[in-house]
Each structure stands twice: as C-alpha cells, then as structure tokens.
Amino acid sequence: MGSSFGKIFSYIVSVFVLFIIIPYQFLSQLESTKETYIYSLTTDFADECMNTGQITPEKLEMYTQKVYGMGHYEVKMEHASKMAFSRDNGEVELDYLSTGTEMILNDMYLDANDPVPYKMKTGDRIYVTVTKTGQSTSEKIMDFIGVNVTKQLIVNYGGTVGTTTN
C-alpha cells in the first residue's frame, strides 16, 4: 500500500514539474529577455530625442511598433518644458510645464497627411515610460497555482534635452 502511494505521489510531483515548473522557467526567461529588449529600445529612443531635441514621427512609429510587437505594453511620454512664472510679489519663479503623450501626438499629427517633428528646447526634459497592460504567460502560470507575481512597470527613462548620455 505504501509503495503505491509513493508512486502516485511521485507521478503527481513529476507532472507538476514537467507541465508547470519547466514551462514557467522557460517563459520567465523569455519575458526577462523581452523586457531587456524593451529597455534597450527605450533608452535608445529617449537618448536620440534628448540629443536631437525633437521627436520625429518616423522614429516614434518605429519605436512604438517594436514595443507593441513584444506584447501588451503601453508607451507614455512626458515633455517637461522650463517656464518662467511671475508671482504676485514681482519675483520670477522657474518651473516645468508638463506635456503628456496626447498633446505631443496632437502637435505631431495636426495634419494627418503631413506629420511634423515635435520640437523641444535645450534644458527641457523628456521621459518615456513603458508599462505592461496585461499578464504574461509565465505570470498566468503562477497565478494558476496561487502565486501573484504581476509586474506592471517595465521601464521609466529620460533626461535633459541637449545633454549627451552616451
């Protein structure tokens, strides 16, 4: 009796390892590789924007197509432009005025037939954020066995326009 129980238990453990753990390990490595690739794409895109002082429609479309081709991800951009605000007491205060993804895209695609580059000034800041909008297969496997490992933020990268980071 004890021998048959041991065999059944070992079969159950073997099936668990073969059909749950091994695919999870493989898919987890694949997800890690995708995230590294997206990080590399994002840093290259943001560095180019910081170096040239503009976001070109061609580069943006190429970048977003590559990121969206990796799965369920969302790309957001923020342009912070240095502005001077006068206060009631006559002092001038320097601060940043933020422009989000929608406004950047609206400026670039005012005329859908003739998109123009989005221009930034030296000293402005640009940030690119990539987040995951759904669960990966490896996260679904872990969710299936009762472990929640969902990770949303993939990369948040940016800097000051006109500075070389390379």
Protein backbone atom coordinates (compact mmCIF):
# COMPACT_ATOMS: atom_id res chain seq x y z
CA MET A 1 0.00 0.00 0.00
CA GLY A 2 2.77 2.45 0.95
CA SER A 3 4.64 1.67 -2.25
CA SER A 4 1.67 2.54 -4.47
CA PHE A 5 1.07 5.78 -2.56
CA GLY A 6 4.71 6.75 -3.13
CA LYS A 7 4.42 6.03 -6.85
CA ILE A 8 1.25 8.12 -7.18
CA PHE A 9 2.83 10.96 -5.23
CA SER A 10 5.98 10.86 -7.39
CA TYR A 11 3.84 10.87 -10.57
CA ILE A 12 1.93 13.93 -9.33
CA VAL A 13 5.17 15.75 -8.49
CA SER A 14 6.67 14.76 -11.85
CA VAL A 15 3.64 16.06 -13.75
CA PHE A 16 3.74 19.30 -11.74
CA VAL A 17 7.44 19.81 -12.51
CA LEU A 18 7.09 18.81 -16.16
CA PHE A 19 3.98 20.82 -17.02
CA ILE A 20 4.14 23.77 -14.58
CA ILE A 21 7.66 24.50 -13.34
CA ILE A 22 9.66 23.88 -16.53
CA PRO A 23 7.34 25.95 -18.79
CA TYR A 24 7.28 28.69 -16.13
CA GLN A 25 11.09 28.83 -16.07
CA PHE A 26 11.29 28.97 -19.86
CA LEU A 27 8.58 31.63 -20.18
CA SER A 28 10.03 33.66 -17.32
CA GLN A 29 13.40 33.81 -19.12
CA LEU A 30 11.63 34.80 -22.33
CA GLU A 31 9.79 37.61 -20.51
CA SER A 32 13.05 38.81 -18.99
CA THR A 33 14.66 38.90 -22.44
CA LYS A 34 11.70 40.88 -23.84
CA GLU A 35 11.95 43.39 -21.00
CA THR A 36 15.67 43.84 -21.61
CA TYR A 37 15.00 44.44 -25.31
CA ILE A 38 12.27 46.99 -24.50
CA TYR A 39 14.61 48.73 -22.06
CA SER A 40 17.27 48.94 -24.77
CA LEU A 41 14.78 50.30 -27.33
CA THR A 42 13.50 52.89 -24.84
CA THR A 43 16.93 54.15 -23.83
CA ASP A 44 17.99 54.43 -27.49
CA PHE A 45 14.79 56.31 -28.41
CA ALA A 46 14.92 58.67 -25.41
CA ASP A 47 18.66 59.33 -25.88
CA GLU A 48 18.07 60.21 -29.52
CA CYS A 49 15.26 62.58 -28.53
CA MET A 50 17.48 64.22 -25.90
CA ASN A 51 20.41 64.56 -28.32
CA THR A 52 18.45 65.91 -31.30
CA GLY A 53 15.90 67.97 -29.35
CA GLN A 54 12.98 66.53 -31.27
CA ILE A 55 10.70 63.52 -31.56
CA THR A 56 10.30 62.60 -35.21
CA PRO A 57 7.17 60.77 -36.38
CA GLU A 58 9.28 58.13 -38.15
CA LYS A 59 11.38 57.30 -35.07
CA LEU A 60 8.33 57.30 -32.80
CA GLU A 61 6.40 54.95 -35.09
CA MET A 62 9.38 52.62 -35.45
CA TYR A 63 9.91 52.57 -31.67
CA THR A 64 6.25 52.00 -30.78
CA GLN A 65 5.82 49.27 -33.40
CA LYS A 66 8.76 47.37 -31.94
CA VAL A 67 7.48 47.76 -28.37
CA TYR A 68 3.88 46.85 -29.25
CA GLY A 69 5.21 43.88 -31.22
CA MET A 70 6.56 42.42 -27.97
CA GLY A 71 3.11 42.02 -26.44
CA HIS A 72 0.71 44.03 -24.35
CA TYR A 73 2.63 47.17 -23.48
CA GLU A 74 1.75 50.86 -23.31
CA VAL A 75 4.13 53.70 -24.13
CA LYS A 76 3.74 57.09 -22.46
CA MET A 77 5.86 60.19 -22.96
CA GLU A 78 6.18 63.35 -20.92
CA HIS A 79 7.89 66.53 -22.05
CA ALA A 80 8.67 68.99 -19.26
CA SER A 81 9.48 72.46 -20.59
CA LYS A 82 11.20 75.01 -18.38
CA MET A 83 8.95 78.04 -17.92
CA ALA A 84 9.22 81.32 -16.01
CA PHE A 85 6.20 82.33 -13.95
CA SER A 86 5.84 85.73 -12.35
CA ARG A 87 4.48 85.82 -8.83
CA ASP A 88 2.26 88.47 -7.27
CA ASN A 89 5.19 89.99 -5.37
CA GLY A 90 7.14 90.52 -8.62
CA GLU A 91 9.51 87.58 -8.23
CA VAL A 92 10.07 85.22 -11.14
CA GLU A 93 9.76 81.53 -10.43
CA LEU A 94 11.22 78.87 -12.73
CA ASP A 95 9.27 75.65 -13.01
CA TYR A 96 8.47 72.94 -15.52
CA LEU A 97 5.28 72.75 -17.58
CA SER A 98 4.47 69.13 -18.44
CA THR A 99 3.07 67.95 -21.76
CA GLY A 100 1.76 64.39 -21.92
CA THR A 101 1.61 61.82 -24.70
CA GLU A 102 -1.71 63.01 -26.13
CA MET A 103 -0.58 66.61 -26.53
CA ILE A 104 2.75 65.53 -28.05
CA LEU A 105 0.93 63.34 -30.59
CA ASN A 106 -1.61 66.12 -31.31
CA ASP A 107 1.24 68.54 -32.09
CA MET A 108 2.98 65.99 -34.31
CA TYR A 109 -0.13 64.87 -36.20
CA LEU A 110 -2.09 68.12 -36.56
CA ASP A 111 -2.23 67.33 -40.25
CA ALA A 112 -2.54 63.55 -40.53
CA ASN A 113 -1.16 63.63 -44.09
CA ASP A 114 1.92 65.63 -43.13
CA PRO A 115 3.19 64.85 -39.59
CA VAL A 116 5.89 67.16 -38.23
CA PRO A 117 8.60 66.57 -35.61
CA TYR A 118 7.82 67.59 -32.04
CA LYS A 119 10.45 70.19 -31.10
CA MET A 120 12.00 70.63 -27.65
CA LYS A 121 14.43 73.24 -26.30
CA THR A 122 17.79 72.69 -24.65
CA GLY A 123 17.21 72.25 -20.93
CA ASP A 124 13.76 70.67 -21.35
CA ARG A 125 13.20 67.18 -20.03
CA ILE A 126 11.77 64.15 -21.80
CA TYR A 127 10.62 60.94 -20.10
CA VAL A 128 9.46 57.72 -21.73
CA THR A 129 7.59 55.14 -19.67
CA VAL A 130 6.65 51.63 -20.78
CA THR A 131 4.12 49.67 -18.73
CA LYS A 132 2.63 46.23 -19.16
CA THR A 133 -1.11 46.22 -19.83
CA GLY A 134 -1.74 42.51 -19.28
CA GLN A 135 -0.30 39.37 -17.74
CA SER A 136 2.44 37.39 -19.43
CA THR A 137 2.06 33.64 -19.83
CA SER A 138 4.55 32.97 -17.03
CA GLU A 139 2.52 35.23 -14.71
CA LYS A 140 -0.66 33.37 -15.70
CA ILE A 141 1.01 30.06 -14.79
CA MET A 142 1.99 31.38 -11.36
CA ASP A 143 -1.48 32.87 -10.92
CA PHE A 144 -2.92 29.43 -11.74
CA ILE A 145 -1.06 27.84 -8.81
CA GLY A 146 -1.98 30.72 -6.49
CA VAL A 147 1.06 32.99 -6.59
CA ASN A 148 0.52 36.58 -7.75
CA VAL A 149 3.66 37.96 -9.46
CA THR A 150 2.25 40.65 -11.77
CA LYS A 151 4.78 43.36 -12.64
CA GLN A 152 3.44 46.50 -14.35
CA LEU A 153 6.28 48.99 -14.85
CA ILE A 154 8.88 47.84 -17.34
CA VAL A 155 11.00 50.96 -17.86
CA ASN A 156 10.94 54.66 -17.00
CA TYR A 157 13.75 56.53 -18.72
CA GLY A 158 14.52 60.10 -19.63
CA GLY A 159 16.67 63.11 -19.07
CA THR A 160 17.52 66.64 -20.10
CA VAL A 161 17.41 67.70 -23.74
CA GLY A 162 20.76 68.85 -25.08
CA THR A 163 22.89 66.63 -22.86
CA THR A 164 24.71 63.65 -24.27
CA THR A 165 24.35 60.47 -22.20
CA ASN A 166 26.42 58.24 -24.48
